[in-house]
């Protein structure tokens, strides 16, 4: 038997050794894909605030926001202190036959912060589980008498079998089975939803739709629902007794300039809201769905069904995870993270608009809210022809391959030349995402804008050629 690796052994592994272990025990193709970028070839020694400190001494500005996880930045000192205290005091973790003061307090805090009677919470581990829990709640609310659930055509709700079937952008290379009765509507189109409600009526006039899911702000596409749409949808769901679910997994906890995106509209209350990502302060894997009290009680508040809401029974109420979330929420409130996002927007939004005007041949659009913005790059026939020459074997099965390749070349140049780490969305229109943690200051936002300006000034053909020749050609 080979020697088991210790933590000390692990911390001394070289990048080459890590790549080799990934190839043998994790995913060989993942190594081939991620080493196309500079950050896939290097290891991070430590992370603090908005910065990654690599083993080679480079200090990288992390402008990804951890894809929604790092509103608090890396290793926020109050988060670390809360977790250390939990461990040092040897608090209990997993027994479900004891009530958890952390679950109780976290549920209370959410009820205090969310509008209306959103006051009943459940805490699984991931955003996808929160979505599935919300849909399960809606189905149980109707006691299985309704069979359809509506989702938007640009929705992203997760990658499990259930949440994946509720995700609007179909996986291009392989289709999995999923929840039955899923119906798609055009994002933001209230008329189309009303028509679908009319089509779903049975002979007795009863509507067959048990839930409608929507992301009030779509982080995959940088689109958002109008106030008119959201209020109209709320009225329709109330009229037809349909459970309305708002997915705010990415956009919660101040990211778009309000605590949750929908809360910028006073009096607007969904039946269920889902959250995860920064809910755990960047350190714990925890999510939640929070339901209106009448909806939750009708579904689960009886002795027979009291435990049916579980989506991941073993770690529900995981002690340190919920304790971390309590501290993360208090930091959001104490440091006014929505105001921080709005301050970032006051620098980021006009800066991106200026760049779009100065590089009109390169940038098709910029849009976003708060500290979450997307830069949409142009393709065009010349770039298509160039990519076809550079990449042997054609454009692969992915119809978005060219867009991803172009955006990847900008991501790589920002990292290589300016020590700035960004990303692009894997769903939707694949924009370059500017989504810094909410602890960044104005000079760091200005640094990103200057680096993006200088990078785009080189021209997409040059960036694309360099990226493919240096990084990608070895994959084919």
Protein backbone atom coordinates (compact mmCIF):
# COMPACT_ATOMS: atom_id res chain seq x y z
CA UNK A 1 0.00 0.00 0.00
CA UNK A 2 1.31 3.43 -0.86
CA UNK A 3 1.81 5.95 1.92
CA UNK A 4 -1.20 8.10 2.80
CA UNK A 5 -0.56 11.80 2.38
CA UNK A 6 -0.71 13.98 5.48
CA UNK A 7 -1.73 17.63 5.59
CA UNK A 8 1.95 18.55 5.87
CA UNK A 9 2.67 16.46 2.76
CA UNK A 10 -0.20 18.12 0.94
CA UNK A 11 1.04 21.64 1.65
CA UNK A 12 4.39 20.87 0.02
CA UNK A 13 3.02 19.33 -3.20
CA UNK A 14 4.25 21.05 -6.36
CA UNK A 15 1.87 22.18 -9.10
CA UNK A 16 3.11 19.31 -11.25
CA UNK A 17 2.38 16.80 -8.49
CA UNK A 18 -1.10 18.25 -7.94
CA UNK A 19 -1.83 18.04 -11.68
CA UNK A 20 -0.68 14.42 -11.71
CA UNK A 21 -2.91 13.49 -8.76
CA UNK A 22 -5.87 15.23 -10.41
CA UNK A 23 -5.25 13.26 -13.61
CA UNK A 24 -5.14 9.98 -11.72
CA UNK A 25 -7.87 10.49 -9.13
CA UNK A 26 -10.09 13.48 -9.99
CA UNK A 27 -10.50 14.37 -13.68
CA UNK A 28 -7.82 14.20 -16.35
CA UNK A 29 -9.70 16.46 -18.76
CA UNK A 30 -10.15 19.10 -16.07
CA UNK A 31 -6.38 19.43 -15.89
CA UNK A 32 -6.14 19.82 -19.66
CA UNK A 33 -8.85 22.48 -19.61
CA UNK A 34 -7.73 24.57 -16.63
CA UNK A 35 -4.02 24.59 -17.48
CA UNK A 36 -5.01 26.51 -20.60
CA UNK A 37 -4.99 29.50 -18.25
CA UNK A 38 -2.06 30.80 -16.24
CA UNK A 39 -3.94 30.33 -12.96
CA UNK A 40 -4.33 26.65 -13.73
CA UNK A 41 -0.57 26.22 -13.74
CA UNK A 42 0.11 27.81 -10.35
CA UNK A 43 -0.79 27.21 -6.70
CA UNK A 44 -2.11 29.68 -4.15
CA UNK A 45 -0.23 29.79 -0.83
CA UNK A 46 -2.82 31.87 1.04
CA UNK A 47 -5.77 34.20 0.45
CA UNK A 48 -6.75 37.35 2.29
CA UNK A 49 -9.37 39.97 1.52
CA UNK A 50 -9.43 40.59 -2.23
CA UNK A 51 -6.01 39.03 -2.89
CA UNK A 52 -4.51 35.64 -3.69
CA UNK A 53 -0.87 35.15 -2.67
CA UNK A 54 0.83 32.56 -4.84
CA UNK A 55 3.80 30.38 -4.03
CA UNK A 56 5.90 32.21 -6.62
CA UNK A 57 5.35 35.50 -4.78
CA UNK A 58 2.75 37.01 -7.13
CA UNK A 59 -0.12 38.93 -5.51
CA UNK A 60 -3.28 38.52 -7.57
CA UNK A 61 -6.31 40.81 -7.29
CA UNK A 62 -9.29 38.44 -7.18
CA UNK A 63 -12.04 40.22 -9.10
CA UNK A 64 -14.22 37.11 -9.39
CA UNK A 65 -15.91 37.48 -6.02
CA UNK A 66 -15.64 33.71 -5.82
CA UNK A 67 -18.52 33.45 -8.32
CA UNK A 68 -20.83 34.90 -5.69
CA UNK A 69 -19.26 33.24 -2.65
CA UNK A 70 -16.87 35.97 -1.53
CA UNK A 71 -18.86 39.10 -0.74
CA UNK A 72 -16.84 39.11 2.50
CA UNK A 73 -13.56 38.47 0.68
CA UNK A 74 -11.15 35.67 1.54
CA UNK A 75 -10.77 34.70 5.20
CA UNK A 76 -12.63 37.59 6.78
CA UNK A 77 -11.21 37.95 10.33
CA UNK A 78 -14.62 37.92 12.01
CA UNK A 79 -15.59 34.76 10.12
CA UNK A 80 -12.35 33.04 11.13
CA UNK A 81 -12.80 34.10 14.77
CA UNK A 82 -16.37 32.74 14.89
CA UNK A 83 -15.29 29.39 13.50
CA UNK A 84 -12.27 29.16 15.78
CA UNK A 85 -14.43 29.89 18.81
CA UNK A 86 -16.91 27.19 17.78
CA UNK A 87 -14.06 24.67 17.50
CA UNK A 88 -12.26 25.71 20.68
CA UNK A 89 -15.46 25.44 22.71
CA UNK A 90 -16.06 21.97 21.21
CA UNK A 91 -19.61 22.74 20.19
CA UNK A 92 -21.83 19.91 18.95
CA UNK A 93 -22.19 19.38 15.22
CA UNK A 94 -24.63 16.85 13.77
CA UNK A 95 -27.09 15.19 16.17
CA UNK A 96 -30.64 15.81 14.99
CA UNK A 97 -32.29 14.57 18.17
CA UNK A 98 -31.03 17.71 19.95
CA UNK A 99 -32.28 21.15 19.00
CA UNK A 100 -29.61 23.48 17.64
CA UNK A 101 -29.43 27.03 19.02
CA UNK A 102 -27.57 27.99 15.83
CA UNK A 103 -30.39 26.81 13.55
CA UNK A 104 -32.90 28.61 15.77
CA UNK A 105 -30.91 31.87 15.79
CA UNK A 106 -30.20 31.75 12.06
CA UNK A 107 -33.88 31.25 11.28
CA UNK A 108 -34.73 34.19 13.53
CA UNK A 109 -32.20 36.45 11.83
CA UNK A 110 -33.49 35.64 8.36
CA UNK A 111 -37.05 36.35 9.45
CA UNK A 112 -35.94 39.71 10.85
CA UNK A 113 -34.20 40.75 7.63
CA UNK A 114 -36.62 39.48 4.98
CA UNK A 115 -39.92 41.25 4.22
CA UNK A 116 -43.46 40.15 4.95
CA UNK A 117 -44.02 36.75 6.50
CA UNK A 118 -40.92 35.10 4.99
CA UNK A 119 -40.05 33.45 8.27
CA UNK A 120 -39.71 29.66 7.93
CA UNK A 121 -36.23 28.41 7.01
CA UNK A 122 -34.51 25.20 6.07
CA UNK A 123 -30.72 24.91 5.76
CA UNK A 124 -29.23 22.33 3.35
CA UNK A 125 -25.69 22.51 1.99
CA UNK A 126 -25.79 23.90 -1.56
CA UNK A 127 -27.79 26.26 -3.71
CA UNK A 128 -29.01 23.41 -5.91
CA UNK A 129 -30.38 21.63 -2.84
CA UNK A 130 -32.11 24.84 -1.72
CA UNK A 131 -33.83 25.09 -5.11
CA UNK A 132 -34.90 21.46 -5.02
CA UNK A 133 -36.15 21.95 -1.46
CA UNK A 134 -38.19 24.96 -2.55
CA UNK A 135 -39.77 23.07 -5.45
CA UNK A 136 -40.42 20.07 -3.22
CA UNK A 137 -42.14 22.41 -0.74
CA UNK A 138 -44.32 23.85 -3.52
CA UNK A 139 -45.33 20.37 -4.71
CA UNK A 140 -46.18 19.29 -1.17
CA UNK A 141 -48.12 22.54 -0.58
CA UNK A 142 -50.53 21.36 -3.28
CA UNK A 143 -50.40 17.81 -1.89
CA UNK A 144 -49.35 16.45 -5.28
CA UNK A 145 -52.55 17.61 -7.00
CA UNK A 146 -50.69 19.79 -9.54
CA UNK A 147 -48.10 18.58 -12.01
CA UNK A 148 -46.34 21.50 -13.71
CA UNK A 149 -43.53 23.86 -12.73
CA UNK A 150 -42.45 26.89 -14.79
CA UNK A 151 -38.89 28.06 -15.24
CA UNK A 152 -37.38 30.80 -17.45
CA UNK A 153 -35.50 30.08 -20.65
CA UNK A 154 -32.29 31.68 -19.28
CA UNK A 155 -32.59 30.26 -15.76
CA UNK A 156 -29.68 28.74 -13.87
CA UNK A 157 -30.75 26.85 -10.76
CA UNK A 158 -28.08 24.16 -10.39
CA UNK A 159 -26.72 20.96 -11.90
CA UNK A 160 -28.31 18.15 -9.89
CA UNK A 161 -30.86 16.03 -11.75
CA UNK A 162 -33.73 18.07 -10.34
CA UNK A 163 -32.23 21.55 -10.31
CA UNK A 164 -30.54 20.83 -13.65
CA UNK A 165 -33.92 20.16 -15.25
CA UNK A 166 -35.04 23.55 -13.91
CA UNK A 167 -32.05 25.28 -15.51
CA UNK A 168 -33.05 27.06 -18.70
CA UNK A 169 -29.83 26.76 -20.66
CA UNK A 170 -29.78 23.12 -21.72
CA UNK A 171 -26.49 21.34 -21.37
CA UNK A 172 -25.15 21.31 -24.90
CA UNK A 173 -23.28 18.01 -24.87
CA UNK A 174 -25.49 15.70 -22.80
CA UNK A 175 -29.05 15.75 -21.53
CA UNK A 176 -29.95 14.14 -18.19
CA UNK A 177 -33.41 13.13 -16.97
CA UNK A 178 -35.15 15.47 -14.56
CA UNK A 179 -38.32 16.61 -12.86
CA UNK A 180 -41.52 15.89 -14.78
CA UNK A 181 -43.80 18.69 -15.92
CA UNK A 182 -41.16 21.40 -16.42
CA UNK A 183 -42.42 24.17 -18.74
CA UNK A 184 -40.26 26.99 -20.08
CA UNK A 185 -41.30 30.63 -20.46
CA UNK A 186 -39.35 33.59 -21.94
CA UNK A 187 -37.53 35.48 -19.17
CA UNK A 188 -39.46 38.57 -18.10
CA UNK A 189 -42.50 37.84 -20.31
CA UNK A 190 -45.58 38.03 -18.13
CA UNK A 191 -47.91 37.57 -21.11
CA UNK A 192 -46.29 34.24 -21.92
CA UNK A 193 -46.72 33.07 -18.33
CA UNK A 194 -50.39 34.08 -18.33
CA UNK A 195 -50.87 32.13 -21.55
CA UNK A 196 -49.21 29.08 -20.00
CA UNK A 197 -51.48 29.36 -16.96
CA UNK A 198 -54.50 29.43 -19.27
CA UNK A 199 -53.24 26.35 -21.16
CA UNK A 200 -52.70 24.47 -17.92
CA UNK A 201 -56.30 24.66 -16.74
CA UNK A 202 -58.17 21.41 -16.30
CA UNK A 203 -61.82 20.95 -17.25
CA UNK A 204 -62.88 22.08 -13.77
CA UNK A 205 -60.92 25.33 -14.19
CA UNK A 206 -58.18 24.35 -11.74
CA UNK A 207 -54.66 25.47 -12.65
CA UNK A 208 -52.11 22.65 -12.89
CA UNK A 209 -49.01 24.77 -12.11
CA UNK A 210 -47.67 24.30 -8.59
CA UNK A 211 -44.62 26.61 -8.77
CA UNK A 212 -43.00 29.33 -10.86
CA UNK A 213 -39.26 29.93 -10.51
CA UNK A 214 -37.47 33.11 -11.51
CA UNK A 215 -34.15 34.81 -10.87
CA UNK A 216 -35.06 38.48 -10.34
CA UNK A 217 -31.51 39.22 -11.53
CA UNK A 218 -29.90 36.65 -13.83
CA UNK A 219 -26.18 36.46 -13.01
CA UNK A 220 -25.62 34.19 -16.03
CA UNK A 221 -26.78 36.81 -18.51
CA UNK A 222 -26.72 40.12 -16.57
CA UNK A 223 -30.42 40.60 -17.27
CA UNK A 224 -33.05 41.49 -14.72
CA UNK A 225 -36.80 41.46 -14.37
CA UNK A 226 -38.69 44.73 -14.40
CA UNK A 227 -40.64 45.83 -11.35
CA UNK A 228 -43.81 45.60 -13.45
CA UNK A 229 -43.06 41.97 -14.32
CA UNK A 230 -42.26 40.93 -10.75
CA UNK A 231 -45.33 42.61 -9.26
CA UNK A 232 -47.54 41.23 -12.03
CA UNK A 233 -46.14 37.76 -11.45
CA UNK A 234 -46.78 38.08 -7.72
CA UNK A 235 -50.40 39.07 -8.38
CA UNK A 236 -50.90 36.18 -10.83
CA UNK A 237 -49.44 33.62 -8.43
CA UNK A 238 -51.65 34.92 -5.61
CA UNK A 239 -54.73 34.71 -7.86
CA UNK A 240 -53.96 31.17 -9.02
CA UNK A 241 -52.49 29.88 -5.71
CA UNK A 242 -49.13 29.15 -7.41
CA UNK A 243 -46.02 29.08 -5.21
CA UNK A 244 -43.68 31.86 -6.39
CA UNK A 245 -39.98 31.09 -5.89
CA UNK A 246 -37.28 33.77 -6.22
CA UNK A 247 -33.78 32.33 -6.74
CA UNK A 248 -31.30 34.80 -5.19
CA UNK A 249 -28.50 32.31 -4.60
CA UNK A 250 -25.86 34.46 -6.35
CA UNK A 251 -27.38 37.92 -5.88
CA UNK A 252 -28.14 37.83 -2.17
CA UNK A 253 -26.41 39.60 0.72
CA UNK A 254 -25.87 42.96 -0.93
CA UNK A 255 -24.25 41.98 -4.23
CA UNK A 256 -26.52 44.04 -6.49
CA UNK A 257 -26.95 47.03 -4.18
CA UNK A 258 -29.90 45.83 -2.08
CA UNK A 259 -29.88 43.04 0.49
CA UNK A 260 -31.64 40.83 -2.08
CA UNK A 261 -32.40 42.10 -5.55
CA UNK A 262 -36.20 41.84 -5.14
CA UNK A 263 -36.09 43.92 -1.93
CA UNK A 264 -35.52 47.12 -3.91
CA UNK A 265 -39.27 46.96 -4.57
CA UNK A 266 -41.16 47.65 -1.30
CA UNK A 267 -43.97 45.25 -0.51
CA UNK A 268 -42.88 42.61 -3.04
CA UNK A 269 -42.75 39.25 -1.27
CA UNK A 270 -42.29 35.83 -2.95
CA UNK A 271 -43.59 32.65 -1.37
CA UNK A 272 -40.06 31.24 -1.16
CA UNK A 273 -36.60 32.74 -1.62
CA UNK A 274 -33.43 30.67 -1.98
CA UNK A 275 -29.93 31.75 -0.98
CA UNK A 276 -26.42 30.31 -0.73
CA UNK A 277 -23.00 31.53 -1.99
CA UNK A 278 -22.02 34.42 0.36
CA UNK A 279 -24.55 33.22 2.94
CA UNK A 280 -21.67 31.13 4.33
CA UNK A 281 -19.20 34.01 4.55
CA UNK A 282 -16.81 32.38 2.09
CA UNK A 283 -15.96 29.58 4.53
CA UNK A 284 -18.99 27.36 5.07
CA UNK A 285 -21.08 25.27 2.68
CA UNK A 286 -24.59 26.28 3.66
CA UNK A 287 -27.73 27.37 1.85
CA UNK A 288 -31.32 28.12 2.72
CA UNK A 289 -34.80 28.37 1.42
CA UNK A 290 -37.04 30.73 3.38
CA UNK A 291 -40.78 30.36 2.94
CA UNK A 292 -43.82 32.38 3.87
CA UNK A 293 -45.32 30.95 7.02
CA UNK A 294 -48.72 29.91 5.54
CA UNK A 295 -47.03 28.06 2.67
CA UNK A 296 -44.60 26.19 4.90
CA UNK A 297 -47.15 25.30 7.57
CA UNK A 298 -49.66 23.93 5.05
CA UNK A 299 -46.95 21.71 3.55
CA UNK A 300 -45.05 20.42 6.56
CA UNK A 301 -46.53 21.58 9.87
CA UNK A 302 -48.02 18.30 11.05
CA UNK A 303 -46.66 15.31 12.94
CA UNK A 304 -46.68 13.04 9.88
CA UNK A 305 -44.87 15.37 7.46
CA UNK A 306 -42.67 17.38 9.83
CA UNK A 307 -39.45 15.76 8.59
CA UNK A 308 -40.32 15.50 4.88
CA UNK A 309 -38.67 18.84 4.00
CA UNK A 310 -35.17 17.39 4.35
CA UNK A 311 -33.13 17.51 1.14
CA UNK A 312 -29.87 16.43 2.79
CA UNK A 313 -30.73 14.98 6.17
CA UNK A 314 -27.29 14.11 7.52
CA UNK A 315 -25.80 17.60 7.52
CA UNK A 316 -28.92 19.70 7.92
CA UNK A 317 -28.22 22.07 10.79
CA UNK A 318 -24.49 21.37 10.63
CA UNK A 319 -23.34 23.36 13.65
CA UNK A 320 -20.26 25.22 12.48
CA UNK A 321 -21.86 25.98 9.12
CA UNK A 322 -24.89 27.68 10.65
CA UNK A 323 -22.75 29.48 13.25
CA UNK A 324 -20.65 30.84 10.39
CA UNK A 325 -23.76 32.01 8.53
CA UNK A 326 -24.94 33.87 11.64
CA UNK A 327 -21.68 35.83 11.75
CA UNK A 328 -21.65 36.37 7.97
CA UNK A 329 -25.12 37.94 8.07
CA UNK A 330 -24.18 40.18 10.98
CA UNK A 331 -21.15 41.44 9.05
CA UNK A 332 -23.36 42.21 6.04
CA UNK A 333 -25.61 44.31 8.28
CA UNK A 334 -22.90 45.92 10.42
CA UNK A 335 -20.77 46.95 7.43
CA UNK A 336 -23.77 47.74 5.18
CA UNK A 337 -22.80 45.56 2.23
CA UNK A 338 -25.60 46.86 -0.01
CA UNK A 339 -24.14 50.37 0.38
CA UNK A 340 -20.68 48.99 -0.40
CA UNK A 341 -22.03 47.45 -3.61
CA UNK A 342 -23.61 50.74 -4.60
CA UNK A 343 -20.29 52.53 -3.97
CA UNK A 344 -18.50 50.02 -6.21
CA UNK A 345 -21.16 50.54 -8.90
CA UNK A 346 -20.57 54.30 -8.89
CA UNK A 347 -17.02 53.64 -10.10
CA UNK A 348 -17.43 50.38 -12.02
CA UNK A 349 -20.52 51.13 -14.13
CA UNK A 350 -19.36 54.44 -15.69
CA UNK A 351 -15.86 53.01 -16.14
CA UNK A 352 -17.18 50.06 -18.11
CA UNK A 353 -19.44 52.31 -20.17
CA UNK A 354 -16.44 54.49 -21.06
CA UNK A 355 -14.45 51.39 -22.08
CA UNK A 356 -17.37 50.17 -24.21
CA UNK A 357 -17.44 53.49 -26.09
CA UNK A 358 -13.68 53.62 -26.58
CA UNK A 359 -13.57 49.99 -27.77
CA UNK A 360 -16.85 49.88 -29.66
CA UNK A 361 -15.48 47.42 -32.22
CA UNK A 362 -14.59 45.03 -29.41
CA UNK A 363 -17.28 45.47 -26.76
CA UNK A 364 -20.88 44.79 -27.73
CA UNK A 365 -22.47 45.69 -24.40
CA UNK A 366 -21.87 46.21 -20.68
CA UNK A 367 -24.56 45.86 -18.04
CA UNK A 368 -25.15 44.90 -14.45
CA UNK A 369 -26.06 46.16 -11.00
CA UNK A 370 -24.10 46.88 -7.84
CA UNK A 371 -20.90 44.86 -7.78
CA UNK A 372 -22.03 42.43 -10.49
CA UNK A 373 -21.42 43.48 -14.10
CA UNK A 374 -20.78 41.75 -17.42
CA UNK A 375 -18.69 42.77 -20.43
CA UNK A 376 -20.04 41.23 -23.65
CA UNK A 377 -17.41 40.92 -26.41
CA UNK A 378 -18.09 40.95 -30.13
CA UNK A 379 -17.46 37.90 -32.31
CA UNK A 380 -17.77 38.69 -36.01
CA UNK A 381 -16.84 36.69 -39.14
CA UNK A 382 -13.14 37.68 -39.08
CA UNK A 383 -12.67 36.28 -35.57
CA UNK A 384 -14.63 33.18 -36.54
CA UNK A 385 -12.33 32.64 -39.51
CA UNK A 386 -9.24 33.28 -37.37
CA UNK A 387 -10.35 30.82 -34.69
CA UNK A 388 -11.11 28.17 -37.32
CA UNK A 389 -7.53 28.48 -38.60
CA UNK A 390 -5.99 28.44 -35.13
CA UNK A 391 -7.96 25.57 -33.63
CA UNK A 392 -7.54 22.24 -35.44
CA UNK A 393 -10.63 20.13 -35.81
CA UNK A 394 -13.16 22.93 -36.19
CA UNK A 395 -15.24 24.67 -33.58
CA UNK A 396 -16.18 21.63 -31.44
CA UNK A 397 -19.73 20.69 -30.50
CA UNK A 398 -20.28 23.78 -28.36
CA UNK A 399 -22.16 26.51 -30.30
CA UNK A 400 -20.77 29.08 -27.84
CA UNK A 401 -17.19 27.93 -28.36
CA UNK A 402 -16.02 31.06 -30.17
CA UNK A 403 -17.49 33.39 -27.56
CA UNK A 404 -15.87 31.39 -24.78
CA UNK A 405 -12.54 31.34 -26.61
CA UNK A 406 -12.56 35.11 -27.15
CA UNK A 407 -13.53 35.87 -23.57
CA UNK A 408 -10.95 33.37 -22.31
CA UNK A 409 -8.23 35.23 -24.16
CA UNK A 410 -9.14 38.44 -22.29
CA UNK A 411 -9.34 36.61 -18.95
CA UNK A 412 -5.92 35.11 -19.57
CA UNK A 413 -4.34 38.44 -20.59
CA UNK A 414 -5.69 40.20 -17.49
CA UNK A 415 -4.17 37.49 -15.33
CA UNK A 416 -0.86 37.19 -17.20
CA UNK A 417 -0.13 40.86 -17.74
CA UNK A 418 -1.92 42.61 -14.88
CA UNK A 419 -2.20 40.10 -12.01
CA UNK A 420 -6.00 40.33 -12.04
CA UNK A 421 -8.16 37.22 -11.80
CA UNK A 422 -11.53 37.33 -13.61
CA UNK A 423 -13.85 34.76 -15.18
CA UNK A 424 -16.68 34.37 -17.66
CA UNK A 425 -20.07 32.78 -17.08
CA UNK A 426 -20.38 29.20 -18.30
CA UNK A 427 -24.05 29.77 -19.00
CA UNK A 428 -25.98 32.38 -20.93
CA UNK A 429 -23.99 34.66 -23.24
CA UNK A 430 -20.63 34.02 -21.54
CA UNK A 431 -19.75 37.63 -20.64
CA UNK A 432 -16.53 38.57 -18.87
CA UNK A 433 -17.69 39.11 -15.29
CA UNK A 434 -16.58 41.98 -13.07
CA UNK A 435 -17.85 40.93 -9.63
CA UNK A 436 -15.38 41.95 -6.92
CA UNK A 437 -15.87 41.12 -3.26
CA UNK A 438 -17.69 43.89 -1.43
CA UNK A 439 -14.63 44.69 0.68
CA UNK A 440 -12.66 46.19 -2.26
CA UNK A 441 -11.88 49.90 -2.29
CA UNK A 442 -12.09 52.42 -5.13
CA UNK A 443 -8.38 52.18 -6.16
CA UNK A 444 -8.77 48.44 -6.76
CA UNK A 445 -11.83 48.98 -8.97
CA UNK A 446 -9.92 51.66 -10.90
CA UNK A 447 -6.99 49.27 -11.28
CA UNK A 448 -9.27 46.69 -12.88
CA UNK A 449 -10.74 49.26 -15.26
CA UNK A 450 -7.31 50.48 -16.35
CA UNK A 451 -6.10 46.90 -16.91
CA UNK A 452 -9.20 46.01 -18.96
CA UNK A 453 -8.79 49.17 -21.05
CA UNK A 454 -5.14 48.37 -21.79
CA UNK A 455 -5.95 44.73 -22.55
CA UNK A 456 -8.75 45.49 -25.01
CA UNK A 457 -6.56 48.10 -26.71
CA UNK A 458 -4.42 45.23 -28.00
CA UNK A 459 -7.36 44.02 -30.11
CA UNK A 460 -9.22 40.73 -29.96
CA UNK A 461 -7.41 39.12 -32.95
CA UNK A 462 -4.05 39.60 -31.25
CA UNK A 463 -5.33 38.42 -27.86
CA UNK A 464 -7.03 35.39 -29.41
CA UNK A 465 -3.97 34.39 -31.44
CA UNK A 466 -1.64 34.65 -28.46
CA UNK A 467 -3.98 32.71 -26.20
CA UNK A 468 -4.50 29.86 -28.64
CA UNK A 469 -0.83 29.60 -29.60
CA UNK A 470 0.42 29.66 -26.02
CA UNK A 471 -2.26 27.78 -24.16
CA UNK A 472 -4.90 26.02 -26.22
CA UNK A 473 -3.23 24.45 -29.24
CA UNK A 474 -1.70 21.73 -27.09
CA UNK A 475 -5.19 20.42 -26.25
CA UNK A 476 -6.00 19.35 -29.82
